[in-house]
PDB file of N, CA and C in Angstrom:
ATOM      1  N   UNK A   1       5.412 -13.855  -5.080  1.00  0.00           N
ATOM      2  CA  UNK A   1       5.624 -12.295  -5.664  1.00  0.00           C
ATOM      3  C   UNK A   1       4.550 -11.330  -5.730  1.00  0.00           C
ATOM      4  N   UNK A   2       4.570 -10.355  -5.346  1.00  0.00           N
ATOM      5  CA  UNK A   2       3.133  -9.379  -5.671  1.00  0.00           C
ATOM      6  C   UNK A   2       3.880  -8.222  -6.678  1.00  0.00           C
ATOM      7  N   UNK A   3       3.170  -7.731  -7.162  1.00  0.00           N
ATOM      8  CA  UNK A   3       3.078  -6.619  -8.450  1.00  0.00           C
ATOM      9  C   UNK A   3       3.708  -5.326  -7.841  1.00  0.00           C
ATOM     10  N   UNK A   4       4.031  -4.779  -8.930  1.00  0.00           N
ATOM     11  CA  UNK A   4       4.482  -3.230  -8.335  1.00  0.00           C
ATOM     12  C   UNK A   4       3.556  -2.187  -7.629  1.00  0.00           C
ATOM     13  N   UNK A   5       2.321  -2.371  -8.031  1.00  0.00           N
ATOM     14  CA  UNK A   5       1.228  -1.599  -7.791  1.00  0.00           C
ATOM     15  C   UNK A   5       0.656  -2.213  -6.180  1.00  0.00           C
ATOM     16  N   UNK A   6       0.841  -3.442  -6.016  1.00  0.00           N
ATOM     17  CA  UNK A   6       0.428  -3.975  -4.603  1.00  0.00           C
ATOM     18  C   UNK A   6       1.548  -3.731  -3.838  1.00  0.00           C
ATOM     19  N   UNK A   7       3.016  -3.894  -4.174  1.00  0.00           N
ATOM     20  CA  UNK A   7       4.104  -3.194  -3.482  1.00  0.00           C
ATOM     21  C   UNK A   7       4.082  -1.992  -3.002  1.00  0.00           C
ATOM     22  N   UNK A   8       3.615  -1.126  -3.876  1.00  0.00           N
ATOM     23  CA  UNK A   8       3.200   0.168  -3.461  1.00  0.00           C
ATOM     24  C   UNK A   8       2.304   0.630  -2.372  1.00  0.00           C
ATOM     25  N   UNK A   9       1.140  -0.258  -2.737  1.00  0.00           N
ATOM     26  CA  UNK A   9      -0.185  -0.077  -1.948  1.00  0.00           C
ATOM     27  C   UNK A   9       0.501  -0.411  -0.337  1.00  0.00           C
ATOM     28  N   UNK A  10       0.924  -1.681  -0.076  1.00  0.00           N
ATOM     29  CA  UNK A  10       1.487  -2.311   1.360  1.00  0.00           C
ATOM     30  C   UNK A  10       2.420  -1.414   1.615  1.00  0.00           C
ATOM     31  N   UNK A  11       3.344  -0.498   1.017  1.00  0.00           N
ATOM     32  CA  UNK A  11       4.107   0.513   1.444  1.00  0.00           C
ATOM     33  C   UNK A  11       3.573   1.563   2.173  1.00  0.00           C
ATOM     34  N   UNK A  12       2.599   2.051   1.260  1.00  0.00           N
ATOM     35  CA  UNK A  12       1.742   3.135   1.562  1.00  0.00           C
ATOM     36  C   UNK A  12       0.684   2.867   2.787  1.00  0.00           C
ATOM     37  N   UNK A  13       0.167   1.701   3.183  1.00  0.00           N
ATOM     38  CA  UNK A  13      -0.488   1.431   4.277  1.00  0.00           C
ATOM     39  C   UNK A  13       0.612   1.010   5.516  1.00  0.00           C
ATOM     40  N   UNK A  14       1.750   0.842   5.174  1.00  0.00           N
ATOM     41  CA  UNK A  14       2.805   0.774   6.531  1.00  0.00           C
ATOM     42  C   UNK A  14       2.872   2.444   6.946  1.00  0.00           C
ATOM     43  N   UNK A  15       3.242   3.031   5.673  1.00  0.00           N
ATOM     44  CA  UNK A  15       3.452   4.358   6.071  1.00  0.00           C
ATOM     45  C   UNK A  15       2.246   5.241   6.783  1.00  0.00           C
ATOM     46  N   UNK A  16       1.122   4.858   6.370  1.00  0.00           N
ATOM     47  CA  UNK A  16       0.048   5.733   7.109  1.00  0.00           C
ATOM     48  C   UNK A  16      -0.408   5.139   8.621  1.00  0.00           C
ATOM     49  N   UNK A  17       0.047   4.045   8.975  1.00  0.00           N
ATOM     50  CA  UNK A  17       0.160   3.440  10.317  1.00  0.00           C
ATOM     51  C   UNK A  17      -1.280   3.225  10.647  1.00  0.00           C
ATOM     52  N   UNK A  18      -1.485   3.935  11.664  1.00  0.00           N
ATOM     53  CA  UNK A  18      -3.027   3.838  12.293  1.00  0.00           C
ATOM     54  C   UNK A  18      -3.748   4.658  11.519  1.00  0.00           C
ATOM     55  N   UNK A  19      -3.438   5.322  10.578  1.00  0.00           N
ATOM     56  CA  UNK A  19      -4.394   6.183   9.903  1.00  0.00           C
ATOM     57  C   UNK A  19      -4.679   5.545   8.532  1.00  0.00           C
ATOM     58  N   UNK A  20      -4.339   4.260   8.484  1.00  0.00           N
ATOM     59  CA  UNK A  20      -4.645   3.838   7.138  1.00  0.00           C
ATOM     60  C   UNK A  20      -6.053   3.492   6.355  1.00  0.00           C
ATOM     61  N   UNK A  21      -6.597   4.386   6.025  1.00  0.00           N
ATOM     62  CA  UNK A  21      -7.927   4.206   5.390  1.00  0.00           C
ATOM     63  C   UNK A  21      -7.927   4.470   4.047  1.00  0.00           C
ATOM     64  N   UNK A  22      -8.798   4.406   3.075  1.00  0.00           N
ATOM     65  CA  UNK A  22      -8.724   4.712   2.033  1.00  0.00           C
ATOM     66  C   UNK A  22      -8.183   5.836   1.357  1.00  0.00           C
ATOM     67  N   UNK A  23      -8.805   7.031   1.751  1.00  0.00           N
ATOM     68  CA  UNK A  23      -8.348   8.486   1.244  1.00  0.00           C
ATOM     69  C   UNK A  23      -6.705   8.868   1.828  1.00  0.00           C
ATOM     70  N   UNK A  24      -6.316   8.205   2.658  1.00  0.00           N
ATOM     71  CA  UNK A  24      -4.951   8.737   3.385  1.00  0.00           C
ATOM     72  C   UNK A  24      -4.157   7.775   2.729  1.00  0.00           C
ATOM     73  N   UNK A  25      -4.372   6.389   2.206  1.00  0.00           N
ATOM     74  CA  UNK A  25      -3.418   5.510   1.722  1.00  0.00           C
ATOM     75  C   UNK A  25      -3.434   6.279   0.330  1.00  0.00           C
ATOM     76  N   UNK A  26      -4.444   6.755  -0.299  1.00  0.00           N
ATOM     77  CA  UNK A  26      -4.396   7.260  -1.664  1.00  0.00           C
ATOM     78  C   UNK A  26      -3.541   8.404  -1.846  1.00  0.00           C
ATOM     79  N   UNK A  27      -3.734   9.442  -0.819  1.00  0.00           N
ATOM     80  CA  UNK A  27      -2.801  10.511  -0.843  1.00  0.00           C
ATOM     81  C   UNK A  27      -1.419   9.869  -0.534  1.00  0.00           C
ATOM     82  N   UNK A  28      -1.045   9.097  -0.027  1.00  0.00           N
ATOM     83  CA  UNK A  28       0.433   8.398   0.354  1.00  0.00           C
ATOM     84  C   UNK A  28       0.643   8.294  -0.735  1.00  0.00           C
ATOM     85  N   UNK A  29       0.250   7.530  -1.623  1.00  0.00           N
ATOM     86  CA  UNK A  29       0.341   6.733  -3.036  1.00  0.00           C
ATOM     87  C   UNK A  29       0.827   7.621  -3.848  1.00  0.00           C
ATOM     88  N   UNK A  30      -0.066   8.678  -4.311  1.00  0.00           N
ATOM     89  CA  UNK A  30       0.159  10.111  -5.076  1.00  0.00           C
ATOM     90  C   UNK A  30       1.136  10.671  -4.708  1.00  0.00           C
ATOM     91  N   UNK A  31       1.402  11.166  -3.492  1.00  0.00           N
ATOM     92  CA  UNK A  31       2.220  12.133  -3.155  1.00  0.00           C
ATOM     93  C   UNK A  31       3.820  11.354  -3.045  1.00  0.00           C
ATOM     94  N   UNK A  32       3.860  10.261  -2.868  1.00  0.00           N
ATOM     95  CA  UNK A  32       5.479   9.654  -2.850  1.00  0.00           C
ATOM     96  C   UNK A  32       5.651   8.934  -4.155  1.00  0.00           C
ATOM     97  N   UNK A  33       4.764   8.266  -4.994  1.00  0.00           N
ATOM     98  CA  UNK A  33       5.069   7.731  -5.990  1.00  0.00           C
ATOM     99  C   UNK A  33       5.198   8.527  -7.256  1.00  0.00           C
ATOM    100  N   UNK A  34       4.328  10.009  -7.210  1.00  0.00           N
ATOM    101  CA  UNK A  34       4.021  10.901  -8.097  1.00  0.00           C
ATOM    102  C   UNK A  34       3.313  10.250  -9.119  1.00  0.00           C
ATOM    103  N   UNK A  35       2.381   9.170  -8.907  1.00  0.00           N
ATOM    104  CA  UNK A  35       1.764   8.468  -9.769  1.00  0.00           C
ATOM    105  C   UNK A  35       0.148   9.198  -9.733  1.00  0.00           C
ATOM    106  N   UNK A  36      -0.758   9.279 -10.857  1.00  0.00           N
ATOM    107  CA  UNK A  36      -2.164   9.394 -10.449  1.00  0.00           C
ATOM    108  C   UNK A  36      -2.674   8.084 -10.075  1.00  0.00           C
ATOM    109  N   UNK A  37      -3.614   8.066  -9.121  1.00  0.00           N
ATOM    110  CA  UNK A  37      -4.104   6.513  -9.070  1.00  0.00           C
ATOM    111  C   UNK A  37      -5.708   6.947  -8.805  1.00  0.00           C
ATOM    112  N   UNK A  38      -6.357   5.979  -9.459  1.00  0.00           N
ATOM    113  CA  UNK A  38      -7.711   6.193  -9.291  1.00  0.00           C
ATOM    114  C   UNK A  38      -8.311   5.379  -7.851  1.00  0.00           C
ATOM    115  N   UNK A  39      -9.296   6.280  -7.352  1.00  0.00           N
ATOM    116  CA  UNK A  39      -9.825   5.358  -5.937  1.00  0.00           C
ATOM    117  C   UNK A  39     -10.266   3.948  -6.202  1.00  0.00           C
ATOM    118  N   UNK A  40     -10.875   3.726  -7.333  1.00  0.00           N
ATOM    119  CA  UNK A  40     -11.327   2.188  -7.987  1.00  0.00           C
ATOM    120  C   UNK A  40     -10.079   1.629  -7.948  1.00  0.00           C
ATOM    121  N   UNK A  41      -8.865   1.634  -8.496  1.00  0.00           N
ATOM    122  CA  UNK A  41      -7.612   0.939  -8.633  1.00  0.00           C
ATOM    123  C   UNK A  41      -7.399   0.648  -7.273  1.00  0.00           C
ATOM    124  N   UNK A  42      -7.295   1.649  -6.379  1.00  0.00           N
ATOM    125  CA  UNK A  42      -6.958   1.475  -5.012  1.00  0.00           C
ATOM    126  C   UNK A  42      -7.766   0.560  -4.300  1.00  0.00           C
ATOM    127  N   UNK A  43      -9.129   0.524  -4.236  1.00  0.00           N
ATOM    128  CA  UNK A  43     -10.171  -0.355  -3.710  1.00  0.00           C
ATOM    129  C   UNK A  43      -9.908  -1.617  -4.127  1.00  0.00           C
ATOM    130  N   UNK A  44      -9.876  -1.930  -5.477  1.00  0.00           N
ATOM    131  CA  UNK A  44      -9.740  -3.312  -6.088  1.00  0.00           C
ATOM    132  C   UNK A  44      -8.547  -3.971  -5.484  1.00  0.00           C
ATOM    133  N   UNK A  45      -7.375  -3.201  -5.471  1.00  0.00           N
ATOM    134  CA  UNK A  45      -6.135  -3.953  -5.028  1.00  0.00           C
ATOM    135  C   UNK A  45      -6.206  -3.759  -3.305  1.00  0.00           C
ATOM    136  N   UNK A  46      -6.815  -3.019  -2.691  1.00  0.00           N
ATOM    137  CA  UNK A  46      -6.833  -3.235  -1.265  1.00  0.00           C
ATOM    138  C   UNK A  46      -7.712  -4.721  -0.971  1.00  0.00           C
ATOM    139  N   UNK A  47      -8.846  -4.579  -2.040  1.00  0.00           N
ATOM    140  CA  UNK A  47      -9.510  -6.078  -1.599  1.00  0.00           C
ATOM    141  C   UNK A  47      -8.705  -7.263  -1.849  1.00  0.00           C
ATOM    142  N   UNK A  48      -7.973  -7.092  -3.066  1.00  0.00           N
ATOM    143  CA  UNK A  48      -7.359  -8.250  -3.598  1.00  0.00           C
ATOM    144  C   UNK A  48      -6.055  -8.634  -2.566  1.00  0.00           C
ATOM    145  N   UNK A  49      -5.457  -7.470  -1.971  1.00  0.00           N
ATOM    146  CA  UNK A  49      -4.503  -8.054  -0.729  1.00  0.00           C
ATOM    147  C   UNK A  49      -5.012  -8.524   0.175  1.00  0.00           C
ATOM    148  N   UNK A  50      -6.191  -8.225   0.779  1.00  0.00           N
ATOM    149  CA  UNK A  50      -6.879  -8.347   1.668  1.00  0.00           C
ATOM    150  C   UNK A  50      -7.349 -10.276   1.466  1.00  0.00           C
ATOM    151  N   UNK A  51      -8.112 -10.308   0.396  1.00  0.00           N
ATOM    152  CA  UNK A  51      -8.309 -11.497   0.040  1.00  0.00           C
ATOM    153  C   UNK A  51      -6.994 -12.944   0.099  1.00  0.00           C
ATOM    154  N   UNK A  52      -5.840 -12.215  -0.447  1.00  0.00           N
ATOM    155  CA  UNK A  52      -4.425 -13.043  -0.548  1.00  0.00           C
ATOM    156  C   UNK A  52      -3.998 -13.066   0.866  1.00  0.00           C
ATOM    157  N   UNK A  53      -4.394 -12.489   1.814  1.00  0.00           N
ATOM    158  CA  UNK A  53      -4.310 -12.725   3.404  1.00  0.00           C
ATOM    159  C   UNK A  53      -2.981 -11.746   3.847  1.00  0.00           C
ATOM    160  N   UNK A  54      -2.507 -10.741   2.607  1.00  0.00           N
ATOM    161  CA  UNK A  54      -1.453  -9.767   3.016  1.00  0.00           C
ATOM    162  C   UNK A  54      -2.283  -8.668   4.048  1.00  0.00           C
ATOM    163  N   UNK A  55      -3.331  -8.244   3.742  1.00  0.00           N
ATOM    164  CA  UNK A  55      -3.786  -6.989   4.490  1.00  0.00           C
ATOM    165  C   UNK A  55      -4.870  -7.712   5.435  1.00  0.00           C
ATOM    166  N   UNK A  56      -5.187  -6.793   6.585  1.00  0.00           N
ATOM    167  CA  UNK A  56      -6.428  -7.159   7.356  1.00  0.00           C
ATOM    168  C   UNK A  56      -7.173  -6.024   7.434  1.00  0.00           C
ATOM    169  N   UNK A  57      -7.957  -5.730   7.853  1.00  0.00           N
ATOM    170  CA  UNK A  57      -9.145  -4.677   8.042  1.00  0.00           C
ATOM    171  C   UNK A  57     -10.260  -4.562   8.929  1.00  0.00           C
ATOM    172  N   UNK A  58     -10.617  -3.300   9.752  1.00  0.00           N
ATOM    173  CA  UNK A  58     -11.569  -3.150  10.537  1.00  0.00           C
ATOM    174  C   UNK A  58     -12.326  -2.045  10.069  1.00  0.00           C
ATOM    175  N   UNK A  59     -13.510  -2.196  10.502  1.00  0.00           N
ATOM    176  CA  UNK A  59     -14.533  -0.860  10.158  1.00  0.00           C
ATOM    177  C   UNK A  59     -14.609  -0.266  11.688  1.00  0.00           C
ATOM    178  N   UNK A  60     -14.312   0.758  11.608  1.00  0.00           N
ATOM    179  CA  UNK A  60     -14.656   1.859  12.513  1.00  0.00           C
ATOM    180  C   UNK A  60     -16.034   2.480  12.672  1.00  0.00           C
ATOM    181  N   UNK A  61     -16.464   3.083  13.553  1.00  0.00           N
ATOM    182  CA  UNK A  61     -17.734   3.681  13.392  1.00  0.00           C
ATOM    183  C   UNK A  61     -17.784   4.979  12.829  1.00  0.00           C
ATOM    184  N   UNK A  62     -18.874   5.468  12.073  1.00  0.00           N
ATOM    185  CA  UNK A  62     -19.059   6.723  11.554  1.00  0.00           C
ATOM    186  C   UNK A  62     -18.927   7.988  12.222  1.00  0.00           C
ATOM    187  N   UNK A  63     -18.688   9.079  11.752  1.00  0.00           N
ATOM    188  CA  UNK A  63     -18.430  10.212  12.630  1.00  0.00           C
ATOM    189  C   UNK A  63     -19.605  11.239  11.890  1.00  0.00           C
ATOM    190  N   UNK A  64     -20.185  12.260  12.606  1.00  0.00           N
ATOM    191  CA  UNK A  64     -21.076  13.139  12.184  1.00  0.00           C
ATOM    192  C   UNK A  64     -20.309  13.874  10.690  1.00  0.00           C
ATOM    193  N   UNK A  65     -18.941  14.439  10.605  1.00  0.00           N
ATOM    194  CA  UNK A  65     -18.165  14.870   9.772  1.00  0.00           C
ATOM    195  C   UNK A  65     -18.513  14.215   8.257  1.00  0.00           C
ATOM    196  N   UNK A  66     -18.739  12.578   8.753  1.00  0.00           N
ATOM    197  CA  UNK A  66     -18.364  11.704   7.603  1.00  0.00           C
ATOM    198  C   UNK A  66     -20.021  11.191   6.972  1.00  0.00           C
ATOM    199  N   UNK A  67     -21.116  11.797   7.985  1.00  0.00           N
ATOM    200  CA  UNK A  67     -22.403  11.625   7.419  1.00  0.00           C
ATOM    201  C   UNK A  67     -22.774  10.283   8.279  1.00  0.00           C
ATOM    202  N   UNK A  68     -22.206  10.017   9.316  1.00  0.00           N
ATOM    203  CA  UNK A  68     -22.399   8.656   9.987  1.00  0.00           C
ATOM    204  C   UNK A  68     -21.703   7.450   9.154  1.00  0.00           C
ATOM    205  N   UNK A  69     -21.310   7.495   7.933  1.00  0.00           N
ATOM    206  CA  UNK A  69     -20.821   6.454   7.330  1.00  0.00           C
ATOM    207  C   UNK A  69     -19.346   5.804   7.919  1.00  0.00           C
ATOM    208  N   UNK A  70     -19.600   4.346   8.365  1.00  0.00           N
ATOM    209  CA  UNK A  70     -18.195   3.844   8.728  1.00  0.00           C
ATOM    210  C   UNK A  70     -16.793   4.238   7.727  1.00  0.00           C
ATOM    211  N   UNK A  71     -15.665   3.947   8.657  1.00  0.00           N
ATOM    212  CA  UNK A  71     -14.308   4.186   7.893  1.00  0.00           C
ATOM    213  C   UNK A  71     -13.525   2.773   7.998  1.00  0.00           C
ATOM    214  N   UNK A  72     -12.985   2.153   6.719  1.00  0.00           N
ATOM    215  CA  UNK A  72     -12.317   0.851   7.052  1.00  0.00           C
ATOM    216  C   UNK A  72     -10.737   1.215   7.157  1.00  0.00           C
ATOM    217  N   UNK A  73     -10.242   0.664   8.104  1.00  0.00           N
ATOM    218  CA  UNK A  73      -8.945   0.662   8.342  1.00  0.00           C
ATOM    219  C   UNK A  73      -8.023  -0.455   7.998  1.00  0.00           C
ATOM    220  N   UNK A  74      -7.024  -0.415   7.175  1.00  0.00           N
ATOM    221  CA  UNK A  74      -6.158  -1.412   7.177  1.00  0.00           C
ATOM    222  C   UNK A  74      -4.926  -1.635   7.619  1.00  0.00           C
ATOM    223  N   UNK A  75      -4.167  -2.999   7.830  1.00  0.00           N
ATOM    224  CA  UNK A  75      -2.856  -3.051   8.514  1.00  0.00           C
ATOM    225  C   UNK A  75      -2.373  -4.296   7.555  1.00  0.00           C
ATOM    226  N   UNK A  76      -1.137  -4.263   7.463  1.00  0.00           N
ATOM    227  CA  UNK A  76      -0.274  -5.063   6.809  1.00  0.00           C
ATOM    228  C   UNK A  76      -0.105  -6.455   8.003  1.00  0.00           C
ATOM    229  N   UNK A  77      -0.436  -7.873   7.383  1.00  0.00           N
ATOM    230  CA  UNK A  77      -0.522  -8.642   8.010  1.00  0.00           C
ATOM    231  C   UNK A  77       0.986  -9.320   8.122  1.00  0.00           C
ATOM    232  N   UNK A  78       1.646 -10.252   8.882  1.00  0.00           N
ATOM    233  CA  UNK A  78       2.497 -11.117   9.034  1.00  0.00           C
ATOM    234  C   UNK A  78       2.930 -11.488   7.215  1.00  0.00           C
ATOM    235  N   UNK A  79       1.942 -12.237   6.667  1.00  0.00           N
ATOM    236  CA  UNK A  79       2.184 -12.596   5.289  1.00  0.00           C
ATOM    237  C   UNK A  79       2.522 -11.451   4.031  1.00  0.00           C
ATOM    238  N   UNK A  80       1.884 -10.229   4.641  1.00  0.00           N
ATOM    239  CA  UNK A  80       2.092  -9.047   3.820  1.00  0.00           C
ATOM    240  C   UNK A  80       3.831  -8.354   4.086  1.00  0.00           C
ATOM    241  N   UNK A  81       3.782  -8.811   5.233  1.00  0.00           N
ATOM    242  CA  UNK A  81       5.430  -7.948   5.684  1.00  0.00           C
ATOM    243  C   UNK A  81       6.505  -8.956   4.873  1.00  0.00           C
ATOM    244  N   UNK A  82       6.133 -10.336   5.042  1.00  0.00           N
ATOM    245  CA  UNK A  82       7.175 -11.544   4.395  1.00  0.00           C
ATOM    246  C   UNK A  82       7.077 -10.855   2.847  1.00  0.00           C
ATOM    247  N   UNK A  83       6.013 -10.830   1.976  1.00  0.00           N
ATOM    248  CA  UNK A  83       5.994 -10.359   0.558  1.00  0.00           C
ATOM    249  C   UNK A  83       6.644  -9.236   0.231  1.00  0.00           C
ATOM    250  N   UNK A  84       6.376  -8.118   1.186  1.00  0.00           N
ATOM    251  CA  UNK A  84       7.297  -7.161   0.959  1.00  0.00           C
ATOM    252  C   UNK A  84       8.647  -7.334   0.858  1.00  0.00           C
ATOM    253  N   UNK A  85       8.983  -7.800   2.097  1.00  0.00           N
ATOM    254  CA  UNK A  85      10.527  -8.315   2.363  1.00  0.00           C
ATOM    255  C   UNK A  85      11.165  -8.831   0.961  1.00  0.00           C
ATOM    256  N   UNK A  86      10.356 -10.123   0.836  1.00  0.00           N
ATOM    257  CA  UNK A  86      11.081 -10.879  -0.411  1.00  0.00           C
ATOM    258  C   UNK A  86      10.875 -10.104  -1.914  1.00  0.00           C
ATOM    259  N   UNK A  87       9.997  -9.130  -2.298  1.00  0.00           N
ATOM    260  CA  UNK A  87       9.710  -8.270  -3.252  1.00  0.00           C
ATOM    261  C   UNK A  87      11.186  -7.378  -3.314  1.00  0.00           C
ATOM    262  N   UNK A  88      11.420  -6.782  -2.316  1.00  0.00           N
ATOM    263  CA  UNK A  88      11.952  -5.769  -1.906  1.00  0.00           C
ATOM    264  C   UNK A  88      13.696  -6.326  -2.202  1.00  0.00           C
ATOM    265  N   UNK A  89      13.682  -7.282  -1.583  1.00  0.00           N
ATOM    266  CA  UNK A  89      15.223  -8.190  -1.777  1.00  0.00           C
ATOM    267  C   UNK A  89      15.122  -8.547  -3.258  1.00  0.00           C
ATOM    268  N   UNK A  90      14.241  -8.881  -3.964  1.00  0.00           N
ATOM    269  CA  UNK A  90      14.320  -9.174  -5.216  1.00  0.00           C
ATOM    270  C   UNK A  90      14.947  -8.083  -6.101  1.00  0.00           C
ATOM    271  N   UNK A  91      14.255  -6.972  -5.900  1.00  0.00           N
ATOM    272  CA  UNK A  91      14.615  -5.730  -6.734  1.00  0.00           C
ATOM    273  C   UNK A  91      15.857  -5.479  -6.266  1.00  0.00           C
ATOM    274  N   UNK A  92      16.325  -5.503  -5.298  1.00  0.00           N
ATOM    275  CA  UNK A  92      17.914  -4.917  -4.555  1.00  0.00           C
ATOM    276  C   UNK A  92      18.853  -5.800  -5.324  1.00  0.00           C
ATOM    277  N   UNK A  93      18.693  -7.093  -5.626  1.00  0.00           N
ATOM    278  CA  UNK A  93      19.475  -8.237  -6.249  1.00  0.00           C
ATOM    279  C   UNK A  93      19.292  -7.864  -7.798  1.00  0.00           C
ATOM    280  N   UNK A  94      18.325  -7.593  -8.304  1.00  0.00           N
ATOM    281  CA  UNK A  94      18.320  -7.153  -9.734  1.00  0.00           C
ATOM    282  C   UNK A  94      19.289  -6.017  -9.894  1.00  0.00           C
ATOM    283  N   UNK A  95      18.987  -4.857  -8.903  1.00  0.00           N
ATOM    284  CA  UNK A  95      19.771  -3.697  -9.096  1.00  0.00           C
ATOM    285  C   UNK A  95      20.976  -3.427  -8.976  1.00  0.00           C
ATOM    286  N   UNK A  96      21.600  -4.372  -8.196  1.00  0.00           N
ATOM    287  CA  UNK A  96      22.954  -4.678  -7.694  1.00  0.00           C
ATOM    288  C   UNK A  96      23.818  -4.659  -9.002  1.00  0.00           C
ATOM    289  N   UNK A  97      24.674  -3.762  -8.951  1.00  0.00           N
ATOM    290  CA  UNK A  97      25.735  -3.721  -9.945  1.00  0.00           C
ATOM    291  C   UNK A  97      25.371  -2.650 -10.730  1.00  0.00           C
ATOM    292  N   UNK A  98      24.249  -2.292 -10.920  1.00  0.00           N
ATOM    293  CA  UNK A  98      23.888  -1.338 -11.935  1.00  0.00           C
ATOM    294  C   UNK A  98      23.650   0.095 -11.414  1.00  0.00           C
ATOM    295  N   UNK A  99      24.345   0.569 -10.420  1.00  0.00           N
ATOM    296  CA  UNK A  99      24.381   1.944  -9.958  1.00  0.00           C
ATOM    297  C   UNK A  99      24.695   2.897 -10.959  1.00  0.00           C
ATOM    298  N   UNK A 100      25.684   2.836 -11.382  1.00  0.00           N
ATOM    299  CA  UNK A 100      26.173   4.020 -12.646  1.00  0.00           C
ATOM    300  C   UNK A 100      24.789   4.164 -13.500  1.00  0.00           C
ATOM    301  N   UNK A 101      24.287   3.239 -14.010  1.00  0.00           N
ATOM    302  CA  UNK A 101      23.356   3.505 -14.940  1.00  0.00           C
ATOM    303  C   UNK A 101      22.029   4.033 -14.450  1.00  0.00           C
ATOM    304  N   UNK A 102      22.023   3.975 -12.882  1.00  0.00           N
ATOM    305  CA  UNK A 102      20.544   4.050 -12.640  1.00  0.00           C
ATOM    306  C   UNK A 102      20.715   5.769 -11.800  1.00  0.00           C
ATOM    307  N   UNK A 103      21.798   6.076 -11.349  1.00  0.00           N
ATOM    308  CA  UNK A 103      21.712   7.118 -10.563  1.00  0.00           C
ATOM    309  C   UNK A 103      21.258   8.354 -10.970  1.00  0.00           C
ATOM    310  N   UNK A 104      20.438   9.128 -10.211  1.00  0.00           N
ATOM    311  CA  UNK A 104      19.854  10.416 -10.352  1.00  0.00           C
ATOM    312  C   UNK A 104      20.806  11.387 -10.593  1.00  0.00           C
ATOM    313  N   UNK A 105      20.828  12.360 -11.157  1.00  0.00           N
ATOM    314  CA  UNK A 105      22.034  13.600 -11.421  1.00  0.00           C
ATOM    315  C   UNK A 105      21.459  14.849 -10.405  1.00  0.00           C
TER     316      UNK A 105
END
């Protein structure tokens, strides 16, 4: 199982697709979750997910707009997709039958 924030980060990486670098992932997380997320918390989590083998990354060359600094892009690996499916399935099973108490008005 993965934690809630790890789940959100993996989903944000999938949503940003080919543009999955730190700032884009952070913007996606904040806009979709409605949560304030610190850059530090995001990068710690990205590193942890990569160490667990759930994410992969590659470094792309820097651009003049970035002062020549390289950018690191992330992708969800097969074990990350599996962990996402398992977590989402577990949430769906727990939520089953609770529709009346959880619906938004």
